[in-house]
Amino acid sequence: MVSFIEQLHQGRAKFAQQRADPLRERVQAIVRGMESIGTAPLLDLLGLPKTTGKARLVSKVMRALGFVPIKSRRLEPGGYRDTVTRGWTRPFREIQRNRPDEDAKVTACRPVRLAV
């Protein structure tokens, strides 16, 4: 049995999370099981207008969920050479961001000259 104080703390934490990211739960429910989705269809499914500001709000949530931004013709129905749309996809491999050790020495590379 959970005490009233613990329920109050859990409720405050959930409220703070929703206030920080109001779209997170809705976006999570929409993209569950999807590999990729365009930004415009995602905004349609959320019922939001297709504006730059709303796309930026969605981008924060998508990055937090592990999606990476792409440009693709595949996301547009009947996509031709000049119809490129922006969207989101899950990475094929784990992204690793390596930083050099503090003890490691970074040496400068000399430019390579090609024989002409």
N, C-alpha and C. Protein backbone atom coordinates (compact mmCIF):
# COMPACT_ATOMS: atom_id res chain seq x y z
N MET A 1 0.85 -1.17 0.00
CA MET A 1 0.00 0.00 0.00
C MET A 1 0.89 1.24 0.00
N VAL A 2 0.56 2.17 -0.85
CA VAL A 2 1.35 3.38 -1.01
C VAL A 2 0.73 4.49 -0.15
N SER A 3 1.59 5.18 0.57
CA SER A 3 1.09 6.24 1.43
C SER A 3 0.66 7.46 0.60
N PHE A 4 -0.10 8.32 1.23
CA PHE A 4 -0.60 9.51 0.55
C PHE A 4 0.54 10.42 0.11
N ILE A 5 1.57 10.54 0.93
CA ILE A 5 2.71 11.40 0.61
C ILE A 5 3.45 10.88 -0.62
N GLU A 6 3.61 9.55 -0.70
CA GLU A 6 4.27 8.96 -1.87
C GLU A 6 3.45 9.18 -3.13
N GLN A 7 2.13 9.05 -3.03
CA GLN A 7 1.25 9.32 -4.18
C GLN A 7 1.37 10.77 -4.61
N LEU A 8 1.46 11.66 -3.63
CA LEU A 8 1.60 13.08 -3.92
C LEU A 8 2.91 13.36 -4.66
N HIS A 9 4.01 12.74 -4.22
CA HIS A 9 5.29 12.92 -4.88
C HIS A 9 5.27 12.35 -6.30
N GLN A 10 4.64 11.19 -6.48
CA GLN A 10 4.54 10.59 -7.81
C GLN A 10 3.70 11.47 -8.74
N GLY A 11 2.63 12.01 -8.22
CA GLY A 11 1.78 12.89 -9.01
C GLY A 11 2.51 14.17 -9.41
N ARG A 12 3.28 14.73 -8.49
CA ARG A 12 4.06 15.93 -8.81
C ARG A 12 5.10 15.64 -9.87
N ALA A 13 5.77 14.49 -9.77
CA ALA A 13 6.79 14.12 -10.75
C ALA A 13 6.17 13.93 -12.14
N LYS A 14 5.01 13.28 -12.19
CA LYS A 14 4.33 13.07 -13.47
C LYS A 14 3.87 14.41 -14.05
N PHE A 15 3.35 15.28 -13.22
CA PHE A 15 2.90 16.60 -13.68
C PHE A 15 4.08 17.41 -14.21
N ALA A 16 5.22 17.36 -13.52
CA ALA A 16 6.41 18.10 -13.97
C ALA A 16 6.90 17.57 -15.31
N GLN A 17 6.84 16.24 -15.49
CA GLN A 17 7.27 15.64 -16.75
C GLN A 17 6.34 16.06 -17.89
N GLN A 18 5.03 16.05 -17.65
CA GLN A 18 4.08 16.44 -18.68
C GLN A 18 4.21 17.92 -19.01
N ARG A 19 4.50 18.72 -18.01
CA ARG A 19 4.65 20.15 -18.25
C ARG A 19 5.91 20.43 -19.06
N ALA A 20 6.97 19.67 -18.81
CA ALA A 20 8.22 19.84 -19.55
C ALA A 20 8.07 19.36 -20.99
N ASP A 21 7.39 18.27 -21.20
CA ASP A 21 7.21 17.68 -22.53
C ASP A 21 5.75 17.27 -22.72
N PRO A 22 4.86 18.19 -23.07
CA PRO A 22 3.44 17.84 -23.14
C PRO A 22 3.11 16.87 -24.28
N LEU A 23 3.95 16.80 -25.31
CA LEU A 23 3.65 15.94 -26.45
C LEU A 23 4.27 14.56 -26.35
N ARG A 24 5.14 14.33 -25.38
CA ARG A 24 5.92 13.09 -25.34
C ARG A 24 5.05 11.84 -25.35
N GLU A 25 4.06 11.77 -24.50
CA GLU A 25 3.23 10.55 -24.42
C GLU A 25 2.45 10.33 -25.70
N ARG A 26 1.92 11.41 -26.29
CA ARG A 26 1.15 11.28 -27.53
C ARG A 26 2.04 10.83 -28.68
N VAL A 27 3.23 11.43 -28.79
CA VAL A 27 4.16 11.05 -29.86
C VAL A 27 4.63 9.62 -29.66
N GLN A 28 4.92 9.24 -28.43
CA GLN A 28 5.36 7.89 -28.12
C GLN A 28 4.32 6.86 -28.54
N ALA A 29 3.05 7.16 -28.30
CA ALA A 29 1.98 6.24 -28.67
C ALA A 29 1.86 6.12 -30.19
N ILE A 30 2.08 7.22 -30.90
CA ILE A 30 1.95 7.21 -32.36
C ILE A 30 3.09 6.45 -33.02
N VAL A 31 4.33 6.67 -32.57
CA VAL A 31 5.48 6.08 -33.26
C VAL A 31 5.85 4.70 -32.74
N ARG A 32 5.10 4.18 -31.78
CA ARG A 32 5.40 2.84 -31.25
C ARG A 32 5.30 1.81 -32.38
N GLY A 33 6.39 1.11 -32.62
CA GLY A 33 6.42 0.07 -33.65
C GLY A 33 6.77 0.59 -35.04
N MET A 34 6.98 1.87 -35.20
CA MET A 34 7.32 2.44 -36.51
C MET A 34 8.83 2.58 -36.65
N GLU A 35 9.33 2.38 -37.86
CA GLU A 35 10.74 2.59 -38.13
C GLU A 35 11.01 4.02 -38.57
N SER A 36 10.09 4.60 -39.35
CA SER A 36 10.27 5.97 -39.82
C SER A 36 8.92 6.62 -40.06
N ILE A 37 8.91 7.96 -40.00
CA ILE A 37 7.69 8.72 -40.23
C ILE A 37 8.08 10.13 -40.64
N GLY A 38 7.29 10.72 -41.51
CA GLY A 38 7.53 12.09 -41.93
C GLY A 38 7.02 13.07 -40.88
N THR A 39 7.58 14.27 -40.90
CA THR A 39 7.17 15.27 -39.92
C THR A 39 5.73 15.74 -40.17
N ALA A 40 5.38 15.96 -41.44
CA ALA A 40 4.03 16.43 -41.76
C ALA A 40 2.96 15.41 -41.36
N PRO A 41 3.12 14.11 -41.68
CA PRO A 41 2.11 13.14 -41.22
C PRO A 41 2.05 13.03 -39.69
N LEU A 42 3.19 13.19 -39.05
CA LEU A 42 3.20 13.13 -37.59
C LEU A 42 2.41 14.30 -37.00
N LEU A 43 2.60 15.49 -37.56
CA LEU A 43 1.82 16.65 -37.10
C LEU A 43 0.34 16.45 -37.37
N ASP A 44 -0.01 15.82 -38.51
CA ASP A 44 -1.42 15.52 -38.81
C ASP A 44 -2.01 14.57 -37.77
N LEU A 45 -1.26 13.52 -37.44
CA LEU A 45 -1.75 12.55 -36.46
C LEU A 45 -1.89 13.16 -35.06
N LEU A 46 -1.05 14.15 -34.76
CA LEU A 46 -1.15 14.84 -33.47
C LEU A 46 -2.24 15.90 -33.47
N GLY A 47 -2.73 16.27 -34.66
CA GLY A 47 -3.75 17.29 -34.76
C GLY A 47 -3.20 18.70 -34.58
N LEU A 48 -1.93 18.88 -34.94
CA LEU A 48 -1.28 20.18 -34.82
C LEU A 48 -1.12 20.82 -36.19
N PRO A 49 -1.09 22.15 -36.26
CA PRO A 49 -0.87 22.81 -37.55
C PRO A 49 0.56 22.57 -38.03
N LYS A 50 0.74 22.58 -39.34
CA LYS A 50 2.06 22.34 -39.93
C LYS A 50 2.85 23.64 -39.97
N THR A 51 3.39 24.02 -38.83
CA THR A 51 4.20 25.22 -38.73
C THR A 51 5.60 24.85 -38.25
N THR A 52 6.53 25.76 -38.45
CA THR A 52 7.91 25.53 -38.04
C THR A 52 8.00 25.37 -36.53
N GLY A 53 7.27 26.16 -35.80
CA GLY A 53 7.32 26.08 -34.34
C GLY A 53 6.85 24.74 -33.81
N LYS A 54 5.77 24.21 -34.38
CA LYS A 54 5.26 22.91 -33.93
C LYS A 54 6.23 21.79 -34.34
N ALA A 55 6.85 21.93 -35.53
CA ALA A 55 7.83 20.93 -35.96
C ALA A 55 9.04 20.92 -35.04
N ARG A 56 9.42 22.07 -34.53
CA ARG A 56 10.54 22.14 -33.59
C ARG A 56 10.19 21.49 -32.25
N LEU A 57 8.96 21.67 -31.81
CA LEU A 57 8.53 21.01 -30.57
C LEU A 57 8.57 19.50 -30.72
N VAL A 58 8.10 19.02 -31.88
CA VAL A 58 8.09 17.59 -32.14
C VAL A 58 9.52 17.07 -32.26
N SER A 59 10.43 17.90 -32.83
CA SER A 59 11.80 17.44 -33.02
C SER A 59 12.49 17.17 -31.68
N LYS A 60 12.21 17.98 -30.68
CA LYS A 60 12.81 17.75 -29.36
C LYS A 60 12.36 16.40 -28.80
N VAL A 61 11.09 16.10 -28.97
CA VAL A 61 10.55 14.84 -28.47
C VAL A 61 11.13 13.66 -29.25
N MET A 62 11.21 13.80 -30.58
CA MET A 62 11.71 12.70 -31.41
C MET A 62 13.18 12.40 -31.10
N ARG A 63 13.97 13.43 -30.90
CA ARG A 63 15.38 13.22 -30.54
C ARG A 63 15.48 12.54 -29.18
N ALA A 64 14.63 12.92 -28.25
CA ALA A 64 14.64 12.31 -26.92
C ALA A 64 14.24 10.83 -26.99
N LEU A 65 13.41 10.47 -27.97
CA LEU A 65 12.99 9.08 -28.14
C LEU A 65 14.00 8.25 -28.92
N GLY A 66 15.09 8.89 -29.40
CA GLY A 66 16.14 8.13 -30.09
C GLY A 66 16.03 8.14 -31.60
N PHE A 67 15.16 8.94 -32.18
CA PHE A 67 15.04 9.02 -33.63
C PHE A 67 16.08 10.00 -34.16
N VAL A 68 16.46 9.82 -35.43
CA VAL A 68 17.39 10.74 -36.09
C VAL A 68 16.68 11.40 -37.27
N PRO A 69 17.00 12.68 -37.54
CA PRO A 69 16.33 13.38 -38.65
C PRO A 69 16.89 12.93 -40.00
N ILE A 70 15.99 12.87 -40.99
CA ILE A 70 16.39 12.49 -42.36
C ILE A 70 15.64 13.35 -43.37
N LYS A 71 16.14 13.34 -44.60
CA LYS A 71 15.42 13.87 -45.75
C LYS A 71 15.25 12.70 -46.70
N SER A 72 14.04 12.50 -47.19
CA SER A 72 13.80 11.32 -48.00
C SER A 72 12.66 11.56 -48.99
N ARG A 73 12.75 10.89 -50.12
CA ARG A 73 11.62 10.86 -51.06
C ARG A 73 10.68 9.72 -50.72
N ARG A 74 11.18 8.77 -49.96
CA ARG A 74 10.39 7.59 -49.62
C ARG A 74 9.21 7.93 -48.72
N LEU A 75 9.33 8.98 -47.93
CA LEU A 75 8.26 9.34 -47.01
C LEU A 75 7.10 10.05 -47.70
N GLU A 76 7.32 10.54 -48.89
CA GLU A 76 6.30 11.25 -49.66
C GLU A 76 5.65 10.27 -50.63
N PRO A 77 4.33 10.13 -50.63
CA PRO A 77 3.69 9.21 -51.58
C PRO A 77 3.96 9.67 -53.01
N GLY A 78 4.47 8.77 -53.85
CA GLY A 78 4.79 9.10 -55.24
C GLY A 78 5.94 10.08 -55.33
N GLY A 79 6.91 9.95 -54.42
CA GLY A 79 8.01 10.91 -54.37
C GLY A 79 8.85 10.89 -55.63
N TYR A 80 9.03 12.04 -56.22
CA TYR A 80 9.85 12.19 -57.42
C TYR A 80 11.20 12.76 -57.03
N ARG A 81 12.05 13.04 -58.02
CA ARG A 81 13.39 13.55 -57.74
C ARG A 81 13.36 14.86 -56.96
N ASP A 82 12.43 15.73 -57.27
CA ASP A 82 12.43 17.05 -56.64
C ASP A 82 11.50 17.15 -55.43
N THR A 83 10.83 16.08 -55.06
CA THR A 83 9.96 16.13 -53.89
C THR A 83 10.64 15.41 -52.73
N VAL A 84 11.30 16.17 -51.91
CA VAL A 84 12.00 15.62 -50.75
C VAL A 84 11.28 16.13 -49.51
N THR A 85 11.02 15.23 -48.59
CA THR A 85 10.36 15.62 -47.35
C THR A 85 11.25 15.27 -46.16
N ARG A 86 11.04 15.94 -45.08
CA ARG A 86 11.81 15.68 -43.87
C ARG A 86 11.03 14.75 -42.96
N GLY A 87 11.78 13.96 -42.22
CA GLY A 87 11.13 13.03 -41.32
C GLY A 87 12.11 12.50 -40.29
N TRP A 88 11.71 11.39 -39.70
CA TRP A 88 12.47 10.80 -38.60
C TRP A 88 12.56 9.30 -38.80
N THR A 89 13.69 8.71 -38.42
CA THR A 89 13.86 7.27 -38.50
C THR A 89 14.68 6.80 -37.30
N ARG A 90 14.51 5.53 -37.00
CA ARG A 90 15.33 4.95 -35.93
C ARG A 90 16.69 4.60 -36.52
N PRO A 91 17.77 4.79 -35.77
CA PRO A 91 19.10 4.46 -36.31
C PRO A 91 19.26 2.95 -36.49
N PHE A 92 20.03 2.57 -37.52
CA PHE A 92 20.27 1.15 -37.79
C PHE A 92 21.27 0.55 -36.82
N ARG A 93 22.18 1.38 -36.35
CA ARG A 93 23.16 0.91 -35.39
C ARG A 93 23.22 1.87 -34.21
N GLU A 94 23.78 1.41 -33.15
CA GLU A 94 23.88 2.23 -31.95
C GLU A 94 24.84 3.39 -32.20
N ILE A 95 24.42 4.58 -31.82
CA ILE A 95 25.25 5.76 -32.00
C ILE A 95 26.19 5.88 -30.81
N GLN A 96 27.48 5.95 -31.10
CA GLN A 96 28.46 6.10 -30.03
C GLN A 96 29.19 7.41 -30.24
N ARG A 97 29.23 8.18 -29.22
CA ARG A 97 29.95 9.45 -29.27
C ARG A 97 31.19 9.31 -28.42
N ASN A 98 32.30 9.07 -29.07
CA ASN A 98 33.56 8.88 -28.35
C ASN A 98 34.30 10.20 -28.22
N ARG A 99 34.85 10.42 -27.08
CA ARG A 99 35.69 11.58 -26.85
C ARG A 99 37.09 11.07 -26.54
N PRO A 100 38.10 11.76 -27.03
CA PRO A 100 39.46 11.29 -26.73
C PRO A 100 39.75 11.41 -25.24
N ASP A 101 40.53 10.47 -24.76
CA ASP A 101 40.93 10.51 -23.35
C ASP A 101 41.75 11.75 -23.08
N GLU A 102 41.74 12.16 -21.85
CA GLU A 102 42.52 13.33 -21.49
C GLU A 102 44.01 13.08 -21.66
N ASP A 103 44.44 11.83 -21.44
CA ASP A 103 45.85 11.49 -21.56
C ASP A 103 46.28 11.27 -23.01
N ALA A 104 45.32 10.99 -23.88
CA ALA A 104 45.66 10.72 -25.27
C ALA A 104 46.16 11.99 -25.94
N LYS A 105 47.14 11.81 -26.79
CA LYS A 105 47.74 12.94 -27.48
C LYS A 105 47.18 13.00 -28.89
N VAL A 106 46.66 14.13 -29.27
CA VAL A 106 46.12 14.31 -30.61
C VAL A 106 47.18 15.00 -31.44
N THR A 107 47.59 14.36 -32.53
CA THR A 107 48.61 14.94 -33.39
C THR A 107 47.98 15.49 -34.65
N ALA A 108 48.57 16.52 -35.18
CA ALA A 108 48.07 17.14 -36.40
C ALA A 108 48.48 16.30 -37.61
N CYS A 109 47.63 16.27 -38.59
CA CYS A 109 47.92 15.54 -39.82
C CYS A 109 48.42 16.51 -40.87
N ARG A 110 49.38 16.06 -41.65
CA ARG A 110 49.86 16.89 -42.76
C ARG A 110 48.96 16.66 -43.96
N PRO A 111 48.73 17.69 -44.77
CA PRO A 111 47.91 17.50 -45.96
C PRO A 111 48.63 16.60 -46.97
N VAL A 112 47.88 15.79 -47.63
CA VAL A 112 48.44 14.87 -48.62
C VAL A 112 48.41 15.56 -49.98
N ARG A 113 49.53 15.53 -50.67
CA ARG A 113 49.61 16.12 -52.01
C ARG A 113 49.52 15.02 -53.03
N LEU A 114 48.63 15.21 -53.98
CA LEU A 114 48.45 14.24 -55.03
C LEU A 114 49.34 14.59 -56.20
N ALA A 115 49.92 13.57 -56.82
CA ALA A 115 50.75 13.80 -58.00
C ALA A 115 49.84 14.03 -59.19
N VAL A 116 50.13 15.09 -59.91
CA VAL A 116 49.29 15.42 -61.06
C VAL A 116 50.02 15.13 -62.34
